Amino acid sequence: MMNGEAMNITFDDKQPIFQQVADIIEDDILKGTYRVDEQILSVAQLSQLFEINPATVVKGIGLLVNEGILYKKRGLGMYVATDANEKIQIKRRDRFNKELLSNLLNEADKLGLTTEDVIDMIKQLRKE
C-alpha cells in the first residue's frame, strides 16, 4: 500500500526498477488503493518511499502514461485513468499467457507431463 508510510520494497535484479515501480502502481490500482481519477503519490514521495532516484520513478510513471493507465493534470500531478483497471488486466492476462503459461507448458513438455497432469497439479495447488 502506498499511502506515504514506510515500505520495505526489495527490487528484483531480473527486471528494470522503473518497470517494477510501474508494476507496484498497477498493483495498487488493481487492489483499489488508487481509484479512477484519484491522484497517485508524487515523484518525490515515491522516490523517497522506494529510496530510489526520482528519474527512475519518472520513467516508471511515464510507462503508465504511455499505456493510458495514468494521465497528467498539468501542475497538479498524475491521476488514474478511467479505464486503467481494464487496461492493466488485459496487459497482464496477455503477459500471463505469453510468458508464464508458455514457460509452464515448455517445462511440462520437458518433464513429459500431459495437459491433464498440469491441470491436476494446478487444481491441487488451488486447494492448498
N, C-alpha and C. Protein backbone atom coordinates (compact mmCIF):
# COMPACT_ATOMS: atom_id res chain seq x y z
N MET A 1 0.85 -1.18 0.00
CA MET A 1 0.00 0.00 0.00
C MET A 1 0.89 1.23 0.00
N MET A 2 0.55 2.17 -0.85
CA MET A 2 1.39 3.36 -0.98
C MET A 2 0.67 4.57 -0.41
N ASN A 3 0.56 4.65 0.88
CA ASN A 3 -0.11 5.78 1.48
C ASN A 3 0.86 6.72 2.20
N GLY A 4 2.12 6.63 1.83
CA GLY A 4 3.09 7.52 2.41
C GLY A 4 3.83 6.93 3.59
N GLU A 5 3.34 5.82 4.12
CA GLU A 5 4.06 5.21 5.23
C GLU A 5 5.24 4.40 4.68
N ALA A 6 6.19 4.15 5.54
CA ALA A 6 7.40 3.45 5.11
C ALA A 6 7.07 2.09 4.52
N MET A 7 7.73 1.78 3.42
CA MET A 7 7.54 0.49 2.77
C MET A 7 8.87 -0.24 2.76
N ASN A 8 8.81 -1.53 2.80
CA ASN A 8 10.02 -2.31 2.71
C ASN A 8 9.99 -3.03 1.37
N ILE A 9 10.44 -2.36 0.32
CA ILE A 9 10.43 -2.91 -1.02
C ILE A 9 11.82 -3.43 -1.36
N THR A 10 11.85 -4.63 -1.85
CA THR A 10 13.09 -5.18 -2.36
C THR A 10 12.91 -5.36 -3.85
N PHE A 11 13.70 -4.64 -4.61
CA PHE A 11 13.58 -4.73 -6.05
C PHE A 11 14.34 -5.94 -6.56
N ASP A 12 13.76 -6.56 -7.58
CA ASP A 12 14.29 -7.76 -8.21
C ASP A 12 15.35 -7.37 -9.24
N ASP A 13 16.47 -8.07 -9.23
CA ASP A 13 17.55 -7.76 -10.18
C ASP A 13 17.23 -8.19 -11.61
N LYS A 14 16.20 -9.01 -11.78
CA LYS A 14 15.88 -9.56 -13.10
C LYS A 14 15.08 -8.61 -13.98
N GLN A 15 14.55 -7.55 -13.37
CA GLN A 15 13.68 -6.64 -14.11
C GLN A 15 14.11 -5.20 -13.80
N PRO A 16 14.06 -4.30 -14.78
CA PRO A 16 14.44 -2.90 -14.51
C PRO A 16 13.57 -2.31 -13.38
N ILE A 17 14.19 -1.48 -12.56
CA ILE A 17 13.48 -0.91 -11.41
C ILE A 17 12.30 -0.06 -11.86
N PHE A 18 12.45 0.70 -12.95
CA PHE A 18 11.32 1.54 -13.40
C PHE A 18 10.10 0.69 -13.75
N GLN A 19 10.35 -0.51 -14.30
CA GLN A 19 9.25 -1.42 -14.63
C GLN A 19 8.59 -1.93 -13.35
N GLN A 20 9.40 -2.19 -12.34
CA GLN A 20 8.86 -2.66 -11.07
C GLN A 20 8.05 -1.56 -10.38
N VAL A 21 8.49 -0.31 -10.51
CA VAL A 21 7.73 0.82 -9.97
C VAL A 21 6.36 0.87 -10.66
N ALA A 22 6.36 0.73 -11.98
CA ALA A 22 5.10 0.73 -12.73
C ALA A 22 4.21 -0.42 -12.27
N ASP A 23 4.80 -1.58 -12.06
CA ASP A 23 4.03 -2.75 -11.61
C ASP A 23 3.42 -2.51 -10.21
N ILE A 24 4.18 -1.88 -9.33
CA ILE A 24 3.67 -1.59 -7.98
C ILE A 24 2.47 -0.65 -8.06
N ILE A 25 2.58 0.38 -8.89
CA ILE A 25 1.46 1.31 -9.05
C ILE A 25 0.26 0.58 -9.65
N GLU A 26 0.52 -0.27 -10.65
CA GLU A 26 -0.57 -1.06 -11.24
C GLU A 26 -1.23 -1.95 -10.19
N ASP A 27 -0.40 -2.60 -9.38
CA ASP A 27 -0.96 -3.45 -8.32
C ASP A 27 -1.88 -2.66 -7.40
N ASP A 28 -1.46 -1.45 -7.05
CA ASP A 28 -2.28 -0.62 -6.18
C ASP A 28 -3.58 -0.19 -6.85
N ILE A 29 -3.54 -0.01 -8.16
CA ILE A 29 -4.79 0.31 -8.89
C ILE A 29 -5.70 -0.91 -8.88
N LEU A 30 -5.13 -2.09 -9.14
CA LEU A 30 -5.95 -3.31 -9.15
C LEU A 30 -6.54 -3.60 -7.77
N LYS A 31 -5.79 -3.31 -6.71
CA LYS A 31 -6.26 -3.57 -5.35
C LYS A 31 -7.25 -2.51 -4.87
N GLY A 32 -7.36 -1.42 -5.63
CA GLY A 32 -8.29 -0.36 -5.22
C GLY A 32 -7.66 0.68 -4.31
N THR A 33 -6.35 0.59 -4.11
CA THR A 33 -5.67 1.61 -3.30
C THR A 33 -5.81 2.96 -3.99
N TYR A 34 -5.69 2.95 -5.30
CA TYR A 34 -5.95 4.13 -6.13
C TYR A 34 -7.18 3.86 -6.96
N ARG A 35 -8.08 4.80 -6.96
CA ARG A 35 -9.32 4.67 -7.73
C ARG A 35 -9.27 5.60 -8.96
N VAL A 36 -10.22 5.40 -9.83
CA VAL A 36 -10.31 6.22 -11.05
C VAL A 36 -10.32 7.71 -10.68
N ASP A 37 -9.55 8.47 -11.41
CA ASP A 37 -9.43 9.92 -11.25
C ASP A 37 -8.82 10.33 -9.91
N GLU A 38 -8.20 9.38 -9.22
CA GLU A 38 -7.53 9.71 -7.96
C GLU A 38 -6.06 9.99 -8.25
N GLN A 39 -5.49 10.92 -7.53
CA GLN A 39 -4.09 11.28 -7.71
C GLN A 39 -3.19 10.25 -7.03
N ILE A 40 -2.13 9.87 -7.73
CA ILE A 40 -1.14 8.99 -7.11
C ILE A 40 -0.11 9.84 -6.38
N LEU A 41 0.74 9.20 -5.61
CA LEU A 41 1.80 9.93 -4.91
C LEU A 41 2.69 10.64 -5.93
N SER A 42 3.30 11.71 -5.51
CA SER A 42 4.19 12.48 -6.40
C SER A 42 5.50 11.71 -6.64
N VAL A 43 6.22 12.17 -7.63
CA VAL A 43 7.53 11.57 -7.93
C VAL A 43 8.43 11.66 -6.70
N ALA A 44 8.44 12.81 -6.05
CA ALA A 44 9.29 12.99 -4.87
C ALA A 44 8.89 12.01 -3.75
N GLN A 45 7.58 11.86 -3.54
CA GLN A 45 7.11 10.94 -2.49
C GLN A 45 7.46 9.50 -2.82
N LEU A 46 7.25 9.11 -4.08
CA LEU A 46 7.56 7.73 -4.48
C LEU A 46 9.07 7.47 -4.41
N SER A 47 9.83 8.46 -4.84
CA SER A 47 11.28 8.34 -4.80
C SER A 47 11.77 8.14 -3.37
N GLN A 48 11.20 8.91 -2.46
CA GLN A 48 11.58 8.80 -1.05
C GLN A 48 11.09 7.47 -0.47
N LEU A 49 9.88 7.10 -0.81
CA LEU A 49 9.29 5.86 -0.30
C LEU A 49 10.09 4.63 -0.72
N PHE A 50 10.48 4.61 -2.00
CA PHE A 50 11.21 3.44 -2.53
C PHE A 50 12.72 3.57 -2.37
N GLU A 51 13.14 4.76 -1.95
CA GLU A 51 14.57 5.04 -1.80
C GLU A 51 15.32 4.80 -3.10
N ILE A 52 14.78 5.42 -4.17
CA ILE A 52 15.40 5.32 -5.49
C ILE A 52 15.47 6.70 -6.13
N ASN A 53 16.21 6.81 -7.20
CA ASN A 53 16.38 8.05 -7.94
C ASN A 53 15.04 8.52 -8.52
N PRO A 54 14.70 9.82 -8.38
CA PRO A 54 13.46 10.33 -8.97
C PRO A 54 13.34 10.06 -10.46
N ALA A 55 14.46 10.06 -11.19
CA ALA A 55 14.41 9.80 -12.63
C ALA A 55 13.87 8.40 -12.92
N THR A 56 14.16 7.46 -12.04
CA THR A 56 13.65 6.09 -12.20
C THR A 56 12.13 6.07 -12.01
N VAL A 57 11.66 6.83 -11.03
CA VAL A 57 10.21 6.91 -10.79
C VAL A 57 9.53 7.56 -12.00
N VAL A 58 10.14 8.63 -12.50
CA VAL A 58 9.58 9.34 -13.67
C VAL A 58 9.46 8.37 -14.85
N LYS A 59 10.47 7.55 -15.04
CA LYS A 59 10.45 6.59 -16.15
C LYS A 59 9.33 5.56 -15.96
N GLY A 60 9.13 5.09 -14.74
CA GLY A 60 8.05 4.13 -14.46
C GLY A 60 6.68 4.75 -14.68
N ILE A 61 6.52 5.96 -14.20
CA ILE A 61 5.25 6.67 -14.39
C ILE A 61 5.02 6.96 -15.86
N GLY A 62 6.09 7.34 -16.56
CA GLY A 62 5.97 7.60 -17.99
C GLY A 62 5.47 6.39 -18.77
N LEU A 63 5.91 5.23 -18.33
CA LEU A 63 5.45 3.99 -18.96
C LEU A 63 3.93 3.87 -18.82
N LEU A 64 3.43 4.16 -17.63
CA LEU A 64 1.99 4.05 -17.38
C LEU A 64 1.20 5.15 -18.11
N VAL A 65 1.80 6.30 -18.27
CA VAL A 65 1.15 7.38 -19.03
C VAL A 65 1.05 6.97 -20.50
N ASN A 66 2.14 6.42 -21.02
CA ASN A 66 2.14 5.98 -22.43
C ASN A 66 1.12 4.88 -22.70
N GLU A 67 0.84 4.08 -21.69
CA GLU A 67 -0.13 2.99 -21.84
C GLU A 67 -1.56 3.46 -21.53
N GLY A 68 -1.73 4.72 -21.17
CA GLY A 68 -3.06 5.25 -20.88
C GLY A 68 -3.60 4.84 -19.53
N ILE A 69 -2.73 4.37 -18.64
CA ILE A 69 -3.17 3.95 -17.31
C ILE A 69 -3.21 5.15 -16.36
N LEU A 70 -2.28 6.07 -16.55
CA LEU A 70 -2.26 7.31 -15.78
C LEU A 70 -2.37 8.49 -16.75
N TYR A 71 -2.86 9.59 -16.26
CA TYR A 71 -2.86 10.81 -17.05
C TYR A 71 -2.41 11.97 -16.16
N LYS A 72 -1.91 12.99 -16.82
CA LYS A 72 -1.34 14.14 -16.11
C LYS A 72 -2.32 15.30 -16.11
N LYS A 73 -2.47 15.88 -14.93
CA LYS A 73 -3.18 17.16 -14.83
C LYS A 73 -2.10 18.20 -14.64
N ARG A 74 -1.96 19.03 -15.61
CA ARG A 74 -0.87 20.00 -15.63
C ARG A 74 -0.82 20.80 -14.32
N GLY A 75 0.35 20.73 -13.70
CA GLY A 75 0.59 21.47 -12.46
C GLY A 75 0.05 20.81 -11.22
N LEU A 76 -0.67 19.71 -11.38
CA LEU A 76 -1.28 19.06 -10.21
C LEU A 76 -0.69 17.69 -9.91
N GLY A 77 -0.37 16.91 -10.96
CA GLY A 77 0.19 15.58 -10.73
C GLY A 77 -0.39 14.53 -11.65
N MET A 78 -0.20 13.29 -11.28
CA MET A 78 -0.66 12.15 -12.09
C MET A 78 -1.90 11.52 -11.47
N TYR A 79 -2.81 11.11 -12.35
CA TYR A 79 -4.10 10.58 -11.91
C TYR A 79 -4.40 9.26 -12.63
N VAL A 80 -5.24 8.46 -12.03
CA VAL A 80 -5.61 7.17 -12.58
C VAL A 80 -6.68 7.37 -13.67
N ALA A 81 -6.40 6.82 -14.85
CA ALA A 81 -7.33 6.94 -15.98
C ALA A 81 -8.60 6.14 -15.73
N THR A 82 -9.65 6.52 -16.41
CA THR A 82 -10.96 5.89 -16.25
C THR A 82 -10.93 4.39 -16.50
N ASP A 83 -10.24 3.97 -17.55
CA ASP A 83 -10.21 2.56 -17.90
C ASP A 83 -8.89 1.87 -17.51
N ALA A 84 -8.22 2.42 -16.51
CA ALA A 84 -6.91 1.88 -16.09
C ALA A 84 -7.00 0.42 -15.68
N ASN A 85 -7.99 0.09 -14.87
CA ASN A 85 -8.11 -1.27 -14.37
C ASN A 85 -8.25 -2.27 -15.51
N GLU A 86 -9.08 -1.95 -16.48
CA GLU A 86 -9.29 -2.83 -17.63
C GLU A 86 -8.01 -2.98 -18.45
N LYS A 87 -7.32 -1.87 -18.68
CA LYS A 87 -6.06 -1.92 -19.45
C LYS A 87 -5.00 -2.76 -18.75
N ILE A 88 -4.92 -2.61 -17.44
CA ILE A 88 -3.94 -3.41 -16.69
C ILE A 88 -4.28 -4.89 -16.78
N GLN A 89 -5.56 -5.21 -16.61
CA GLN A 89 -5.95 -6.63 -16.67
C GLN A 89 -5.68 -7.24 -18.05
N ILE A 90 -5.97 -6.50 -19.10
CA ILE A 90 -5.71 -7.01 -20.45
C ILE A 90 -4.21 -7.22 -20.64
N LYS A 91 -3.41 -6.25 -20.23
CA LYS A 91 -1.96 -6.36 -20.38
C LYS A 91 -1.41 -7.53 -19.57
N ARG A 92 -1.89 -7.68 -18.36
CA ARG A 92 -1.35 -8.75 -17.50
C ARG A 92 -1.83 -10.14 -17.94
N ARG A 93 -3.04 -10.22 -18.43
CA ARG A 93 -3.50 -11.51 -18.95
C ARG A 93 -2.67 -11.92 -20.16
N ASP A 94 -2.36 -10.95 -21.00
CA ASP A 94 -1.52 -11.22 -22.16
C ASP A 94 -0.12 -11.67 -21.71
N ARG A 95 0.45 -10.98 -20.74
CA ARG A 95 1.76 -11.36 -20.20
C ARG A 95 1.70 -12.74 -19.54
N PHE A 96 0.61 -13.01 -18.81
CA PHE A 96 0.43 -14.31 -18.16
C PHE A 96 0.42 -15.42 -19.19
N ASN A 97 -0.31 -15.17 -20.28
CA ASN A 97 -0.41 -16.18 -21.33
C ASN A 97 0.91 -16.38 -22.06
N LYS A 98 1.53 -15.28 -22.48
CA LYS A 98 2.74 -15.37 -23.30
C LYS A 98 3.96 -15.81 -22.50
N GLU A 99 4.09 -15.35 -21.28
CA GLU A 99 5.30 -15.66 -20.52
C GLU A 99 5.12 -16.84 -19.58
N LEU A 100 4.19 -16.72 -18.68
CA LEU A 100 4.07 -17.74 -17.63
C LEU A 100 3.54 -19.07 -18.16
N LEU A 101 2.44 -19.03 -18.89
CA LEU A 101 1.88 -20.28 -19.39
C LEU A 101 2.79 -20.95 -20.41
N SER A 102 3.42 -20.16 -21.26
CA SER A 102 4.35 -20.74 -22.23
C SER A 102 5.51 -21.42 -21.53
N ASN A 103 6.08 -20.74 -20.52
CA ASN A 103 7.17 -21.35 -19.76
C ASN A 103 6.70 -22.60 -19.03
N LEU A 104 5.52 -22.54 -18.46
CA LEU A 104 4.96 -23.68 -17.74
C LEU A 104 4.80 -24.88 -18.67
N LEU A 105 4.22 -24.64 -19.84
CA LEU A 105 3.99 -25.75 -20.78
C LEU A 105 5.29 -26.27 -21.38
N ASN A 106 6.25 -25.37 -21.61
CA ASN A 106 7.55 -25.84 -22.10
C ASN A 106 8.22 -26.75 -21.08
N GLU A 107 8.16 -26.36 -19.81
CA GLU A 107 8.75 -27.18 -18.75
C GLU A 107 7.98 -28.49 -18.61
N ALA A 108 6.67 -28.43 -18.71
CA ALA A 108 5.85 -29.64 -18.63
C ALA A 108 6.22 -30.62 -19.75
N ASP A 109 6.44 -30.07 -20.94
CA ASP A 109 6.85 -30.93 -22.06
C ASP A 109 8.18 -31.61 -21.78
N LYS A 110 9.13 -30.86 -21.22
CA LYS A 110 10.43 -31.43 -20.89
C LYS A 110 10.31 -32.55 -19.88
N LEU A 111 9.35 -32.42 -18.97
CA LEU A 111 9.16 -33.42 -17.92
C LEU A 111 8.22 -34.54 -18.34
N GLY A 112 7.67 -34.43 -19.55
CA GLY A 112 6.77 -35.46 -20.03
C GLY A 112 5.39 -35.43 -19.38
N LEU A 113 5.03 -34.27 -18.85
CA LEU A 113 3.72 -34.14 -18.22
C LEU A 113 2.65 -33.86 -19.28
N THR A 114 1.50 -34.45 -19.12
CA THR A 114 0.39 -34.19 -20.03
C THR A 114 -0.34 -32.93 -19.58
N THR A 115 -1.21 -32.43 -20.43
CA THR A 115 -2.04 -31.29 -20.06
C THR A 115 -2.87 -31.61 -18.83
N GLU A 116 -3.39 -32.84 -18.78
CA GLU A 116 -4.19 -33.25 -17.63
C GLU A 116 -3.35 -33.27 -16.35
N ASP A 117 -2.08 -33.72 -16.47
CA ASP A 117 -1.19 -33.70 -15.31
C ASP A 117 -1.03 -32.27 -14.78
N VAL A 118 -0.82 -31.36 -15.71
CA VAL A 118 -0.62 -29.96 -15.32
C VAL A 118 -1.89 -29.41 -14.67
N ILE A 119 -3.03 -29.69 -15.28
CA ILE A 119 -4.31 -29.22 -14.72
C ILE A 119 -4.52 -29.79 -13.32
N ASP A 120 -4.22 -31.09 -13.15
CA ASP A 120 -4.37 -31.70 -11.83
C ASP A 120 -3.45 -31.03 -10.80
N MET A 121 -2.23 -30.72 -11.22
CA MET A 121 -1.29 -30.06 -10.31
C MET A 121 -1.80 -28.66 -9.92
N ILE A 122 -2.34 -27.95 -10.88
CA ILE A 122 -2.88 -26.61 -10.60
C ILE A 122 -4.07 -26.71 -9.65
N LYS A 123 -4.95 -27.67 -9.93
CA LYS A 123 -6.11 -27.86 -9.05
C LYS A 123 -5.67 -28.20 -7.63
N GLN A 124 -4.65 -29.03 -7.51
CA GLN A 124 -4.15 -29.39 -6.20
C GLN A 124 -3.59 -28.17 -5.46
N LEU A 125 -2.86 -27.34 -6.18
CA LEU A 125 -2.31 -26.13 -5.57
C LEU A 125 -3.41 -25.17 -5.12
N ARG A 126 -4.48 -25.09 -5.91
CA ARG A 126 -5.60 -24.20 -5.58
C ARG A 126 -6.29 -24.64 -4.30
N LYS A 127 -6.27 -25.96 -4.03
CA LYS A 127 -6.91 -26.48 -2.81
C LYS A 127 -6.10 -26.14 -1.57
N GLU A 128 -4.77 -26.01 -1.76
CA GLU A 128 -3.89 -25.79 -0.60
C GLU A 128 -4.00 -24.38 -0.08
